[in-house]
Protein backbone atom coordinates (compact mmCIF):
# COMPACT_ATOMS: atom_id res chain seq x y z
CA MET A 1 -2.03 13.25 -8.84
CA ASP A 2 -1.90 12.07 -5.42
CA CYS A 3 -1.97 8.22 -5.78
CA ASN A 4 -4.28 8.13 -2.80
CA CYS A 5 -2.62 4.82 -1.53
CA LYS A 6 -1.24 5.97 1.79
CA SER A 7 -3.02 3.38 4.24
CA ASN A 8 -2.31 0.42 1.22
CA LYS A 9 1.22 -0.08 0.39
CA GLU A 10 0.55 -2.46 -2.55
CA LYS A 11 3.98 -2.45 -4.63
CA HIS A 12 4.01 -1.78 -8.00
CA SER A 13 6.50 -2.59 -10.26
CA TYR A 14 6.99 -0.99 -14.11
CA HIS A 15 9.00 -1.67 -16.85
CA PHE A 16 10.60 1.07 -19.06
CA ASN A 17 11.50 0.34 -22.48
CA ILE A 18 12.69 3.49 -24.83
CA SER A 19 12.55 3.37 -28.33
CA GLU A 20 14.18 5.74 -30.67
CA VAL A 21 12.82 5.88 -34.56
CA VAL A 22 15.93 6.70 -36.52
CA ASP A 23 15.41 6.77 -40.59
CA GLY A 24 11.97 5.17 -40.09
CA LYS A 25 13.60 1.86 -37.69
CA VAL A 26 12.97 1.56 -34.18
CA GLN A 27 15.63 0.57 -32.12
CA GLU A 28 15.96 0.04 -28.39
CA VAL A 29 18.25 2.81 -26.74
CA MET A 30 17.60 1.93 -22.81
CA ASN A 31 15.44 -0.07 -20.57
CA PHE A 32 14.90 -0.37 -16.59
CA ASN A 33 12.45 -1.54 -13.63
CA PHE A 34 10.99 1.34 -11.68
CA GLY A 35 8.98 0.80 -8.63
CA GLY A 36 7.24 1.92 -5.83
CA HIS A 37 3.77 2.12 -4.15
CA HIS A 38 1.99 4.73 -6.62
CA ASP A 39 -0.43 3.49 -9.64
CA LEU A 40 1.12 5.50 -12.29
CA ALA A 41 -2.13 4.46 -14.23
CA ALA A 42 -4.10 6.00 -11.60
CA MET A 43 -2.21 8.71 -10.96
CA VAL A 44 -2.55 9.27 -14.74
CA GLU A 45 -6.59 8.94 -15.13
CA ARG A 46 -7.10 11.40 -12.72
CA THR A 47 -5.02 14.01 -13.79
CA ASN A 48 -6.57 13.74 -17.45
CA GLU A 49 -9.80 13.60 -15.57
CA LYS A 50 -9.01 17.69 -14.94
CA GLY A 51 -9.14 18.14 -18.82
CA ASP A 52 -6.70 20.94 -19.24
CA ILE A 53 -4.12 18.94 -20.45
CA SER A 54 -3.95 16.19 -23.12
CA GLU A 55 -3.99 12.37 -22.18
CA LYS A 56 -0.25 12.17 -23.61
CA HIS A 57 1.11 15.12 -21.22
CA ALA A 58 -0.90 13.65 -18.08
CA LYS A 59 1.05 10.58 -18.78
CA GLU A 60 4.49 12.82 -19.45
CA LEU A 61 3.76 14.57 -16.11
CA VAL A 62 3.12 11.55 -13.95
CA VAL A 63 5.69 9.87 -14.99
CA GLY A 64 8.39 12.43 -15.22
CA ILE A 65 7.49 13.80 -11.81
CA ARG A 66 7.57 9.96 -10.52
CA LEU A 67 10.85 9.78 -11.89
CA LEU A 68 12.41 12.64 -11.06
CA HIS A 69 10.89 12.51 -7.08
CA HIS A 70 12.31 9.45 -6.95
CA VAL A 71 15.96 10.27 -7.91
CA LEU A 72 15.93 13.39 -5.91
CA LYS A 73 14.74 11.49 -2.92
CA LYS A 74 17.39 8.79 -3.37
CA CYS A 75 20.71 11.37 -4.56
CA ALA A 76 19.33 14.21 -1.92
CA GLY A 77 22.68 13.52 0.25
CA ASP A 78 24.89 12.63 -2.76
CA ASN A 79 24.95 15.66 -4.27
CA SER A 80 24.05 19.74 -3.83
CA ILE A 81 22.72 19.98 -6.85
CA PHE A 82 19.94 17.38 -6.11
CA SER A 83 19.56 18.48 -2.53
CA ASP A 84 19.14 22.37 -3.39
CA PHE A 85 16.31 21.20 -6.06
CA TYR A 86 14.89 18.75 -3.66
CA PRO A 87 12.80 21.40 -1.46
CA VAL A 88 11.96 23.82 -4.48
CA PHE A 89 10.68 20.49 -6.61
CA GLU A 90 8.47 19.45 -3.39
CA GLU A 91 6.74 22.28 -3.29
CA PHE A 92 6.01 22.02 -7.03
CA LYS A 93 4.70 18.44 -6.81
CA LYS A 94 2.81 20.24 -3.89
CA ALA A 95 0.91 22.59 -6.30
CA VAL A 96 0.41 19.89 -9.00
CA LYS A 97 -1.48 17.54 -6.23
CA ASN A 98 -3.41 20.37 -5.04
CA HIS A 99 -4.36 21.29 -8.77
CA TYR A 100 -5.21 17.52 -10.22
CA ASN A 101 -7.00 16.51 -6.87
CA GLY A 102 -8.25 19.67 -5.37
């Protein structure tokens, strides 16, 4: 799941639009921008190639880890909940990278 872009820090920008379906009607509930040097599509592709989870779950895993990593990294000094969890999360992230890139 590693982005393999450490030598190439090209910036990627993403827009998330979250919609909910209620009574058959789609309504937007939130949207936000997210960016960084990780190519999320390439990371999903490499994760999906392993074949042990569905493409849907590969997408959810990659996006979930990237979003959570961003918040933990940015907020670790703001609250002990984040700073206490950050090292555990880093170990999990390393294990996921090793599994999908190893």
